[in-house]
Amino acid sequence: MRGIYKCDFCKSEISVPHHSGKILLGHAEIWIPSISSNLIYASPTLIYHYIDKHHYLPPANYMESLMSFDLNSK
């Protein structure tokens, strides 16, 4: 993935707050290991914006895997 991608729906650049300022979304992926199989879900960082502003609802297993992921376990 190269460059910064805007939202396909509202055509704006999306940023989120960060301790060093703001981070632009749309240039990377989020990887979530599935809790029910050996799959890894890959989604663009813009998924945060799609869920928050455009009411996108990922599949149930994705959400279950996301909510059970422990950042401190690695």
PDB file of N, CA and C in Angstrom:
ATOM      1  N   MET A   1       0.858  -1.163   0.000  1.00  0.00           N
ATOM      2  CA  MET A   1       0.000   0.000   0.000  1.00  0.00           C
ATOM      3  C   MET A   1       0.904   1.225   0.000  1.00  0.00           C
ATOM      4  N   ARG A   2       0.629   2.102  -0.918  1.00  0.00           N
ATOM      5  CA  ARG A   2       1.459   3.301  -1.007  1.00  0.00           C
ATOM      6  C   ARG A   2       0.572   4.535  -0.987  1.00  0.00           C
ATOM      7  N   GLY A   3       0.992   5.530  -0.271  1.00  0.00           N
ATOM      8  CA  GLY A   3       0.256   6.784  -0.235  1.00  0.00           C
ATOM      9  C   GLY A   3      -0.854   6.770   0.801  1.00  0.00           C
ATOM     10  N   ILE A   4      -1.547   7.891   0.862  1.00  0.00           N
ATOM     11  CA  ILE A   4      -2.677   8.064   1.771  1.00  0.00           C
ATOM     12  C   ILE A   4      -3.945   8.000   0.934  1.00  0.00           C
ATOM     13  N   TYR A   5      -4.887   7.192   1.370  1.00  0.00           N
ATOM     14  CA  TYR A   5      -6.139   7.043   0.647  1.00  0.00           C
ATOM     15  C   TYR A   5      -7.254   7.748   1.388  1.00  0.00           C
ATOM     16  N   LYS A   6      -8.100   8.419   0.645  1.00  0.00           N
ATOM     17  CA  LYS A   6      -9.257   9.096   1.220  1.00  0.00           C
ATOM     18  C   LYS A   6     -10.425   8.123   1.290  1.00  0.00           C
ATOM     19  N   CYS A   7     -11.413   8.488   2.075  1.00  0.00           N
ATOM     20  CA  CYS A   7     -12.629   7.701   2.181  1.00  0.00           C
ATOM     21  C   CYS A   7     -13.334   7.689   0.828  1.00  0.00           C
ATOM     22  N   ASP A   8     -13.733   6.504   0.369  1.00  0.00           N
ATOM     23  CA  ASP A   8     -14.436   6.388  -0.911  1.00  0.00           C
ATOM     24  C   ASP A   8     -15.827   7.011  -0.875  1.00  0.00           C
ATOM     25  N   PHE A   9     -16.382   7.169   0.308  1.00  0.00           N
ATOM     26  CA  PHE A   9     -17.747   7.675   0.419  1.00  0.00           C
ATOM     27  C   PHE A   9     -17.799   9.195   0.592  1.00  0.00           C
ATOM     28  N   CYS A  10     -17.020   9.743   1.517  1.00  0.00           N
ATOM     29  CA  CYS A  10     -17.089  11.189   1.766  1.00  0.00           C
ATOM     30  C   CYS A  10     -15.886  11.951   1.209  1.00  0.00           C
ATOM     31  N   LYS A  11     -14.931  11.236   0.604  1.00  0.00           N
ATOM     32  CA  LYS A  11     -13.773  11.823  -0.092  1.00  0.00           C
ATOM     33  C   LYS A  11     -12.865  12.669   0.793  1.00  0.00           C
ATOM     34  N   SER A  12     -12.870  12.427   2.090  1.00  0.00           N
ATOM     35  CA  SER A  12     -12.004  13.203   2.971  1.00  0.00           C
ATOM     36  C   SER A  12     -10.845  12.357   3.491  1.00  0.00           C
ATOM     37  N   GLU A  13      -9.758  13.035   3.838  1.00  0.00           N
ATOM     38  CA  GLU A  13      -8.655  12.358   4.517  1.00  0.00           C
ATOM     39  C   GLU A  13      -9.071  12.171   5.970  1.00  0.00           C
ATOM     40  N   ILE A  14      -8.744  11.023   6.525  1.00  0.00           N
ATOM     41  CA  ILE A  14      -9.184  10.687   7.874  1.00  0.00           C
ATOM     42  C   ILE A  14      -7.971  10.599   8.783  1.00  0.00           C
ATOM     43  N   SER A  15      -8.055  11.281   9.922  1.00  0.00           N
ATOM     44  CA  SER A  15      -6.977  11.195  10.908  1.00  0.00           C
ATOM     45  C   SER A  15      -7.576  10.871  12.269  1.00  0.00           C
ATOM     46  N   VAL A  16      -6.740  10.317  13.124  1.00  0.00           N
ATOM     47  CA  VAL A  16      -7.133  10.017  14.503  1.00  0.00           C
ATOM     48  C   VAL A  16      -6.118  10.654  15.434  1.00  0.00           C
ATOM     49  N   PRO A  17      -6.551  11.024  16.641  1.00  0.00           N
ATOM     50  CA  PRO A  17      -5.611  11.628  17.592  1.00  0.00           C
ATOM     51  C   PRO A  17      -4.526  10.645  18.014  1.00  0.00           C
ATOM     52  N   HIS A  18      -3.373  11.182  18.283  1.00  0.00           N
ATOM     53  CA  HIS A  18      -2.223  10.385  18.725  1.00  0.00           C
ATOM     54  C   HIS A  18      -1.419  11.258  19.674  1.00  0.00           C
ATOM     55  N   HIS A  19      -0.682  10.642  20.573  1.00  0.00           N
ATOM     56  CA  HIS A  19       0.080  11.427  21.552  1.00  0.00           C
ATOM     57  C   HIS A  19       1.074  12.386  20.896  1.00  0.00           C
ATOM     58  N   SER A  20       1.462  12.130  19.663  1.00  0.00           N
ATOM     59  CA  SER A  20       2.384  13.030  18.967  1.00  0.00           C
ATOM     60  C   SER A  20       1.670  13.942  17.976  1.00  0.00           C
ATOM     61  N   GLY A  21       0.357  13.997  18.039  1.00  0.00           N
ATOM     62  CA  GLY A  21      -0.422  14.834  17.115  1.00  0.00           C
ATOM     63  C   GLY A  21      -1.564  14.039  16.518  1.00  0.00           C
ATOM     64  N   LYS A  22      -1.525  13.878  15.200  1.00  0.00           N
ATOM     65  CA  LYS A  22      -2.551  13.105  14.500  1.00  0.00           C
ATOM     66  C   LYS A  22      -1.890  12.097  13.577  1.00  0.00           C
ATOM     67  N   ILE A  23      -2.592  10.995  13.338  1.00  0.00           N
ATOM     68  CA  ILE A  23      -2.138   9.980  12.396  1.00  0.00           C
ATOM     69  C   ILE A  23      -3.175   9.880  11.287  1.00  0.00           C
ATOM     70  N   LEU A  24      -2.726   9.968  10.040  1.00  0.00           N
ATOM     71  CA  LEU A  24      -3.628   9.781   8.910  1.00  0.00           C
ATOM     72  C   LEU A  24      -3.883   8.299   8.701  1.00  0.00           C
ATOM     73  N   LEU A  25      -5.124   7.944   8.465  1.00  0.00           N
ATOM     74  CA  LEU A  25      -5.486   6.561   8.165  1.00  0.00           C
ATOM     75  C   LEU A  25      -5.537   6.379   6.656  1.00  0.00           C
ATOM     76  N   GLY A  26      -5.481   5.138   6.223  1.00  0.00           N
ATOM     77  CA  GLY A  26      -5.623   4.841   4.807  1.00  0.00           C
ATOM     78  C   GLY A  26      -4.335   4.446   4.121  1.00  0.00           C
ATOM     79  N   HIS A  27      -3.285   4.203   4.877  1.00  0.00           N
ATOM     80  CA  HIS A  27      -2.004   3.822   4.272  1.00  0.00           C
ATOM     81  C   HIS A  27      -1.470   2.490   4.806  1.00  0.00           C
ATOM     82  N   ALA A  28      -2.284   1.808   5.606  1.00  0.00           N
ATOM     83  CA  ALA A  28      -1.814   0.561   6.217  1.00  0.00           C
ATOM     84  C   ALA A  28      -2.987  -0.393   6.422  1.00  0.00           C
ATOM     85  N   GLU A  29      -2.644  -1.592   6.921  1.00  0.00           N
ATOM     86  CA  GLU A  29      -3.652  -2.607   7.210  1.00  0.00           C
ATOM     87  C   GLU A  29      -3.648  -2.945   8.692  1.00  0.00           C
ATOM     88  N   ILE A  30      -4.784  -3.426   9.154  1.00  0.00           N
ATOM     89  CA  ILE A  30      -4.919  -3.982  10.498  1.00  0.00           C
ATOM     90  C   ILE A  30      -5.085  -5.484  10.326  1.00  0.00           C
ATOM     91  N   TRP A  31      -4.329  -6.264  11.042  1.00  0.00           N
ATOM     92  CA  TRP A  31      -4.433  -7.721  10.984  1.00  0.00           C
ATOM     93  C   TRP A  31      -5.001  -8.220  12.304  1.00  0.00           C
ATOM     94  N   ILE A  32      -6.094  -8.970  12.209  1.00  0.00           N
ATOM     95  CA  ILE A  32      -6.765  -9.516  13.381  1.00  0.00           C
ATOM     96  C   ILE A  32      -6.796 -11.037  13.261  1.00  0.00           C
ATOM     97  N   PRO A  33      -6.155 -11.776  14.175  1.00  0.00           N
ATOM     98  CA  PRO A  33      -6.226 -13.246  14.109  1.00  0.00           C
ATOM     99  C   PRO A  33      -7.627 -13.719  14.508  1.00  0.00           C
ATOM    100  N   SER A  34      -8.168 -14.645  13.742  1.00  0.00           N
ATOM    101  CA  SER A  34      -9.487 -15.198  14.025  1.00  0.00           C
ATOM    102  C   SER A  34      -9.445 -16.061  15.284  1.00  0.00           C
ATOM    103  N   ILE A  35     -10.513 -15.991  16.058  1.00  0.00           N
ATOM    104  CA  ILE A  35     -10.586 -16.831  17.260  1.00  0.00           C
ATOM    105  C   ILE A  35     -11.129 -18.219  16.945  1.00  0.00           C
ATOM    106  N   SER A  36     -11.671 -18.417  15.735  1.00  0.00           N
ATOM    107  CA  SER A  36     -12.300 -19.700  15.429  1.00  0.00           C
ATOM    108  C   SER A  36     -11.592 -20.509  14.346  1.00  0.00           C
ATOM    109  N   SER A  37     -10.520 -19.956  13.773  1.00  0.00           N
ATOM    110  CA  SER A  37      -9.799 -20.685  12.729  1.00  0.00           C
ATOM    111  C   SER A  37      -8.372 -20.153  12.633  1.00  0.00           C
ATOM    112  N   ASN A  38      -7.640 -20.636  11.647  1.00  0.00           N
ATOM    113  CA  ASN A  38      -6.276 -20.168  11.429  1.00  0.00           C
ATOM    114  C   ASN A  38      -6.219 -18.970  10.491  1.00  0.00           C
ATOM    115  N   LEU A  39      -7.333 -18.295  10.303  1.00  0.00           N
ATOM    116  CA  LEU A  39      -7.387 -17.132   9.421  1.00  0.00           C
ATOM    117  C   LEU A  39      -6.854 -15.885  10.109  1.00  0.00           C
ATOM    118  N   ILE A  40      -6.397 -14.958   9.302  1.00  0.00           N
ATOM    119  CA  ILE A  40      -6.071 -13.617   9.776  1.00  0.00           C
ATOM    120  C   ILE A  40      -6.882 -12.656   8.925  1.00  0.00           C
ATOM    121  N   TYR A  41      -7.689 -11.833   9.585  1.00  0.00           N
ATOM    122  CA  TYR A  41      -8.477 -10.829   8.875  1.00  0.00           C
ATOM    123  C   TYR A  41      -7.588  -9.622   8.601  1.00  0.00           C
ATOM    124  N   ALA A  42      -7.550  -9.191   7.359  1.00  0.00           N
ATOM    125  CA  ALA A  42      -6.795  -7.999   6.983  1.00  0.00           C
ATOM    126  C   ALA A  42      -7.789  -6.944   6.522  1.00  0.00           C
ATOM    127  N   SER A  43      -7.699  -5.774   7.100  1.00  0.00           N
ATOM    128  CA  SER A  43      -8.594  -4.690   6.704  1.00  0.00           C
ATOM    129  C   SER A  43      -7.804  -3.388   6.659  1.00  0.00           C
ATOM    130  N   PRO A  44      -8.236  -2.447   5.820  1.00  0.00           N
ATOM    131  CA  PRO A  44      -7.539  -1.157   5.768  1.00  0.00           C
ATOM    132  C   PRO A  44      -7.769  -0.391   7.072  1.00  0.00           C
ATOM    133  N   THR A  45      -6.837   0.463   7.422  1.00  0.00           N
ATOM    134  CA  THR A  45      -7.005   1.259   8.640  1.00  0.00           C
ATOM    135  C   THR A  45      -8.250   2.144   8.557  1.00  0.00           C
ATOM    136  N   LEU A  46      -8.720   2.428   7.368  1.00  0.00           N
ATOM    137  CA  LEU A  46      -9.934   3.224   7.221  1.00  0.00           C
ATOM    138  C   LEU A  46     -11.179   2.494   7.734  1.00  0.00           C
ATOM    139  N   ILE A  47     -11.075   1.222   8.077  1.00  0.00           N
ATOM    140  CA  ILE A  47     -12.235   0.504   8.598  1.00  0.00           C
ATOM    141  C   ILE A  47     -12.780   1.215   9.836  1.00  0.00           C
ATOM    142  N   TYR A  48     -11.910   1.815  10.610  1.00  0.00           N
ATOM    143  CA  TYR A  48     -12.350   2.583  11.785  1.00  0.00           C
ATOM    144  C   TYR A  48     -13.345   3.665  11.367  1.00  0.00           C
ATOM    145  N   HIS A  49     -13.011   4.412  10.348  1.00  0.00           N
ATOM    146  CA  HIS A  49     -13.876   5.484   9.843  1.00  0.00           C
ATOM    147  C   HIS A  49     -15.160   4.919   9.246  1.00  0.00           C
ATOM    148  N   TYR A  50     -15.057   3.828   8.490  1.00  0.00           N
ATOM    149  CA  TYR A  50     -16.244   3.226   7.881  1.00  0.00           C
ATOM    150  C   TYR A  50     -17.247   2.783   8.950  1.00  0.00           C
ATOM    151  N   ILE A  51     -16.758   2.225  10.042  1.00  0.00           N
ATOM    152  CA  ILE A  51     -17.634   1.789  11.136  1.00  0.00           C
ATOM    153  C   ILE A  51     -18.219   2.995  11.853  1.00  0.00           C
ATOM    154  N   ASP A  52     -17.367   3.959  12.176  1.00  0.00           N
ATOM    155  CA  ASP A  52     -17.766   5.119  12.968  1.00  0.00           C
ATOM    156  C   ASP A  52     -18.702   6.071  12.217  1.00  0.00           C
ATOM    157  N   LYS A  53     -18.392   6.388  10.990  1.00  0.00           N
ATOM    158  CA  LYS A  53     -19.139   7.426  10.259  1.00  0.00           C
ATOM    159  C   LYS A  53     -20.120   6.896   9.225  1.00  0.00           C
ATOM    160  N   HIS A  54     -19.885   5.705   8.708  1.00  0.00           N
ATOM    161  CA  HIS A  54     -20.736   5.189   7.629  1.00  0.00           C
ATOM    162  C   HIS A  54     -21.514   3.936   8.035  1.00  0.00           C
ATOM    163  N   HIS A  55     -21.461   3.593   9.322  1.00  0.00           N
ATOM    164  CA  HIS A  55     -22.256   2.508   9.904  1.00  0.00           C
ATOM    165  C   HIS A  55     -21.991   1.137   9.292  1.00  0.00           C
ATOM    166  N   TYR A  56     -20.746   0.935   8.840  1.00  0.00           N
ATOM    167  CA  TYR A  56     -20.362  -0.391   8.338  1.00  0.00           C
ATOM    168  C   TYR A  56     -20.289  -1.355   9.517  1.00  0.00           C
ATOM    169  N   LEU A  57     -20.801  -2.556   9.335  1.00  0.00           N
ATOM    170  CA  LEU A  57     -20.732  -3.581  10.367  1.00  0.00           C
ATOM    171  C   LEU A  57     -19.973  -4.782   9.811  1.00  0.00           C
ATOM    172  N   PRO A  58     -18.730  -4.999  10.259  1.00  0.00           N
ATOM    173  CA  PRO A  58     -17.972  -6.164   9.805  1.00  0.00           C
ATOM    174  C   PRO A  58     -18.671  -7.458  10.220  1.00  0.00           C
ATOM    175  N   PRO A  59     -18.280  -8.582   9.613  1.00  0.00           N
ATOM    176  CA  PRO A  59     -18.867  -9.872   9.983  1.00  0.00           C
ATOM    177  C   PRO A  59     -18.696 -10.164  11.479  1.00  0.00           C
ATOM    178  N   ALA A  60     -19.615 -10.948  12.020  1.00  0.00           N
ATOM    179  CA  ALA A  60     -19.627 -11.240  13.454  1.00  0.00           C
ATOM    180  C   ALA A  60     -18.308 -11.843  13.941  1.00  0.00           C
ATOM    181  N   ASN A  61     -17.724 -12.777  13.167  1.00  0.00           N
ATOM    182  CA  ASN A  61     -16.479 -13.401  13.616  1.00  0.00           C
ATOM    183  C   ASN A  61     -15.336 -12.395  13.667  1.00  0.00           C
ATOM    184  N   TYR A  62     -15.317 -11.457  12.739  1.00  0.00           N
ATOM    185  CA  TYR A  62     -14.303 -10.394  12.758  1.00  0.00           C
ATOM    186  C   TYR A  62     -14.429  -9.603  14.060  1.00  0.00           C
ATOM    187  N   MET A  63     -15.657  -9.188  14.378  1.00  0.00           N
ATOM    188  CA  MET A  63     -15.872  -8.380  15.573  1.00  0.00           C
ATOM    189  C   MET A  63     -15.547  -9.167  16.846  1.00  0.00           C
ATOM    190  N   GLU A  64     -15.929 -10.442  16.899  1.00  0.00           N
ATOM    191  CA  GLU A  64     -15.606 -11.281  18.058  1.00  0.00           C
ATOM    192  C   GLU A  64     -14.095 -11.432  18.209  1.00  0.00           C
ATOM    193  N   SER A  65     -13.418 -11.623  17.096  1.00  0.00           N
ATOM    194  CA  SER A  65     -11.959 -11.771  17.122  1.00  0.00           C
ATOM    195  C   SER A  65     -11.300 -10.470  17.554  1.00  0.00           C
ATOM    196  N   LEU A  66     -11.796  -9.367  17.060  1.00  0.00           N
ATOM    197  CA  LEU A  66     -11.260  -8.065  17.429  1.00  0.00           C
ATOM    198  C   LEU A  66     -11.438  -7.800  18.920  1.00  0.00           C
ATOM    199  N   MET A  67     -12.638  -8.052  19.425  1.00  0.00           N
ATOM    200  CA  MET A  67     -12.929  -7.755  20.820  1.00  0.00           C
ATOM    201  C   MET A  67     -12.183  -8.678  21.790  1.00  0.00           C
ATOM    202  N   SER A  68     -11.791  -9.862  21.333  1.00  0.00           N
ATOM    203  CA  SER A  68     -11.074 -10.786  22.218  1.00  0.00           C
ATOM    204  C   SER A  68      -9.554 -10.665  22.086  1.00  0.00           C
ATOM    205  N   PHE A  69      -9.076  -9.867  21.147  1.00  0.00           N
ATOM    206  CA  PHE A  69      -7.635  -9.730  20.937  1.00  0.00           C
ATOM    207  C   PHE A  69      -7.005  -8.987  22.119  1.00  0.00           C
ATOM    208  N   ASP A  70      -5.928  -9.528  22.637  1.00  0.00           N
ATOM    209  CA  ASP A  70      -5.224  -8.943  23.779  1.00  0.00           C
ATOM    210  C   ASP A  70      -3.901  -8.360  23.306  1.00  0.00           C
ATOM    211  N   LEU A  71      -3.813  -7.030  23.281  1.00  0.00           N
ATOM    212  CA  LEU A  71      -2.582  -6.364  22.845  1.00  0.00           C
ATOM    213  C   LEU A  71      -1.404  -6.665  23.763  1.00  0.00           C
ATOM    214  N   ASN A  72      -1.669  -7.021  24.984  1.00  0.00           N
ATOM    215  CA  ASN A  72      -0.597  -7.275  25.945  1.00  0.00           C
ATOM    216  C   ASN A  72      -0.081  -8.704  25.914  1.00  0.00           C
ATOM    217  N   SER A  73      -0.679  -9.565  25.092  1.00  0.00           N
ATOM    218  CA  SER A  73      -0.287 -10.970  25.112  1.00  0.00           C
ATOM    219  C   SER A  73       0.961 -11.251  24.286  1.00  0.00           C
ATOM    220  N   LYS A  74       1.402 -10.337  23.474  1.00  0.00           N
ATOM    221  CA  LYS A  74       2.555 -10.572  22.607  1.00  0.00           C
ATOM    222  C   LYS A  74       3.822 -10.002  23.175  1.00  0.00           C
TER     223      LYS A  74
END
